[in-house]
Structure formats: C-alpha cells, structure tokens
C-alpha cells in the first residue's frame, strides 16, 4: 500500500509530491504524469538529493 500524500505542488508541467515516507518529482508527458525522481530529500541550501532519477 502506498504512503498517504501530505502535500502536492504543481508548477506547470512539473510537480513535487510529498508522501509520508518519500518525496517524488513528476513531469507531465503527452500520455500523463510520470515520476522522474524518487527517494528525494532536501539538502540545506541546495537542490533535493534523489536516490532515483529518470527522464
């Protein structure tokens, strides 16, 4: 079972999805939304550091 969603932020065709146990980045493609990064954690003064990245 997936973790519950805590917050969602959408920026055009990009989105940040915070779950209870994970942070995901999504992009909107012609056939729908897809995860492009997972296992992300904020880094002080830097972009998120993600365990899995795709494109």
N, C-alpha and C. Protein backbone atom coordinates (compact mmCIF):
# COMPACT_ATOMS: atom_id res chain seq x y z
N UNK A 1 0.85 -1.19 0.00
CA UNK A 1 0.00 0.00 0.00
C UNK A 1 0.89 1.24 0.00
N UNK A 2 0.53 2.24 -0.79
CA UNK A 2 1.31 3.47 -0.91
C UNK A 2 1.14 4.34 0.33
N UNK A 3 2.18 5.13 0.60
CA UNK A 3 2.11 6.09 1.71
C UNK A 3 1.08 7.17 1.40
N UNK A 4 0.41 7.70 2.42
CA UNK A 4 -0.54 8.80 2.20
C UNK A 4 0.17 10.07 1.70
N UNK A 5 -0.52 10.83 0.86
CA UNK A 5 0.00 12.09 0.34
C UNK A 5 -0.12 13.17 1.42
N UNK A 6 0.98 13.90 1.65
CA UNK A 6 0.96 15.02 2.60
C UNK A 6 0.72 16.34 1.89
N UNK A 7 1.50 16.62 0.82
CA UNK A 7 1.32 17.86 0.07
C UNK A 7 1.65 17.63 -1.40
N UNK A 8 1.07 18.49 -2.24
CA UNK A 8 1.35 18.46 -3.67
C UNK A 8 1.53 19.91 -4.13
N UNK A 9 2.57 20.15 -4.92
CA UNK A 9 2.79 21.46 -5.52
C UNK A 9 2.99 21.25 -7.02
N UNK A 10 2.23 22.00 -7.82
CA UNK A 10 2.32 21.87 -9.27
C UNK A 10 2.84 23.17 -9.85
N UNK A 11 3.82 23.03 -10.74
CA UNK A 11 4.44 24.17 -11.41
C UNK A 11 4.38 23.90 -12.91
N UNK A 12 3.27 24.24 -13.55
CA UNK A 12 3.12 23.97 -14.98
C UNK A 12 3.09 22.48 -15.25
N UNK A 13 4.12 21.96 -15.94
CA UNK A 13 4.18 20.54 -16.29
C UNK A 13 5.09 19.76 -15.33
N UNK A 14 5.44 20.36 -14.20
CA UNK A 14 6.27 19.72 -13.19
C UNK A 14 5.51 19.71 -11.86
N UNK A 15 5.80 18.73 -11.01
CA UNK A 15 5.13 18.67 -9.72
C UNK A 15 6.05 18.06 -8.67
N UNK A 16 5.83 18.48 -7.43
CA UNK A 16 6.52 17.94 -6.26
C UNK A 16 5.44 17.29 -5.40
N UNK A 17 5.61 16.02 -5.09
CA UNK A 17 4.63 15.26 -4.33
C UNK A 17 5.31 14.74 -3.07
N UNK A 18 4.83 15.19 -1.91
CA UNK A 18 5.39 14.72 -0.64
C UNK A 18 4.44 13.69 -0.03
N UNK A 19 4.97 12.49 0.14
CA UNK A 19 4.23 11.41 0.81
C UNK A 19 4.74 11.34 2.24
N UNK A 20 4.11 10.52 3.06
CA UNK A 20 4.59 10.37 4.43
C UNK A 20 5.99 9.79 4.48
N UNK A 21 6.33 8.90 3.55
CA UNK A 21 7.63 8.26 3.60
C UNK A 21 8.55 8.54 2.43
N UNK A 22 8.19 9.51 1.55
CA UNK A 22 9.01 9.74 0.36
C UNK A 22 8.66 11.10 -0.23
N UNK A 23 9.54 11.62 -1.05
CA UNK A 23 9.29 12.83 -1.83
C UNK A 23 9.57 12.49 -3.28
N UNK A 24 8.63 12.82 -4.17
CA UNK A 24 8.73 12.49 -5.58
C UNK A 24 8.64 13.74 -6.44
N UNK A 25 9.32 13.72 -7.58
CA UNK A 25 9.17 14.75 -8.59
C UNK A 25 8.50 14.09 -9.80
N UNK A 26 7.51 14.78 -10.37
CA UNK A 26 6.78 14.26 -11.52
C UNK A 26 6.84 15.26 -12.67
N UNK A 27 6.72 14.76 -13.89
CA UNK A 27 6.61 15.59 -15.08
C UNK A 27 5.40 15.12 -15.87
N UNK A 28 4.74 16.06 -16.53
CA UNK A 28 3.58 15.72 -17.35
C UNK A 28 4.04 15.50 -18.79
N UNK A 29 3.71 14.34 -19.33
CA UNK A 29 4.01 13.97 -20.70
C UNK A 29 2.69 13.87 -21.46
N UNK A 30 2.77 13.66 -22.76
CA UNK A 30 1.56 13.55 -23.58
C UNK A 30 0.61 12.46 -23.09
N UNK A 31 1.16 11.38 -22.52
CA UNK A 31 0.32 10.28 -22.05
C UNK A 31 0.08 10.29 -20.54
N UNK A 32 0.37 11.41 -19.87
CA UNK A 32 0.06 11.54 -18.45
C UNK A 32 1.27 11.91 -17.59
N UNK A 33 1.05 11.92 -16.29
CA UNK A 33 2.09 12.26 -15.32
C UNK A 33 2.96 11.04 -15.05
N UNK A 34 4.29 11.28 -14.97
CA UNK A 34 5.23 10.19 -14.68
C UNK A 34 6.24 10.66 -13.65
N UNK A 35 6.66 9.72 -12.80
CA UNK A 35 7.68 10.01 -11.79
C UNK A 35 9.03 10.11 -12.49
N UNK A 36 9.75 11.22 -12.24
CA UNK A 36 11.08 11.39 -12.83
C UNK A 36 12.18 11.37 -11.77
N UNK A 37 11.81 11.43 -10.48
CA UNK A 37 12.78 11.31 -9.40
C UNK A 37 12.05 10.85 -8.14
N UNK A 38 12.71 9.97 -7.37
CA UNK A 38 12.10 9.42 -6.15
C UNK A 38 13.17 9.28 -5.08
N UNK A 39 12.72 9.12 -3.85
CA UNK A 39 13.66 8.99 -2.74
C UNK A 39 14.40 10.29 -2.50
N UNK A 40 13.70 11.41 -2.67
CA UNK A 40 14.33 12.73 -2.61
C UNK A 40 14.27 13.32 -1.20
N UNK A 41 15.38 13.95 -0.83
CA UNK A 41 15.47 14.62 0.46
C UNK A 41 16.04 16.01 0.26
N UNK A 42 15.52 17.00 1.00
CA UNK A 42 16.07 18.34 0.86
C UNK A 42 17.51 18.39 1.37
N UNK A 43 18.33 19.19 0.71
CA UNK A 43 19.71 19.41 1.13
C UNK A 43 19.85 20.89 1.45
N UNK A 44 20.35 21.21 2.60
CA UNK A 44 20.44 22.59 3.07
C UNK A 44 21.10 23.50 2.04
N UNK A 45 20.33 24.49 1.55
CA UNK A 45 20.85 25.45 0.60
C UNK A 45 21.13 24.91 -0.79
N UNK A 46 20.71 23.68 -1.07
CA UNK A 46 20.97 23.03 -2.36
C UNK A 46 19.68 22.40 -2.87
N UNK A 47 19.67 21.96 -4.14
CA UNK A 47 18.51 21.22 -4.63
C UNK A 47 18.32 19.89 -3.88
N UNK A 48 17.17 19.30 -4.05
CA UNK A 48 16.92 17.98 -3.45
C UNK A 48 17.94 16.97 -3.95
N UNK A 49 18.29 16.05 -3.10
CA UNK A 49 19.13 14.91 -3.46
C UNK A 49 18.21 13.71 -3.60
N UNK A 50 18.21 13.08 -4.78
CA UNK A 50 17.29 11.98 -5.05
C UNK A 50 18.02 10.68 -5.28
N UNK A 51 17.49 9.60 -4.73
CA UNK A 51 18.10 8.27 -4.87
C UNK A 51 17.89 7.71 -6.26
N UNK A 52 16.76 8.03 -6.90
CA UNK A 52 16.43 7.52 -8.24
C UNK A 52 16.07 8.69 -9.12
N UNK A 53 16.72 8.78 -10.30
CA UNK A 53 16.41 9.85 -11.26
C UNK A 53 16.20 9.24 -12.64
N UNK A 54 15.26 9.81 -13.36
CA UNK A 54 14.99 9.36 -14.71
C UNK A 54 14.66 10.55 -15.58
N UNK A 55 14.20 10.31 -16.76
CA UNK A 55 13.88 11.44 -17.63
C UNK A 55 12.85 11.05 -18.58
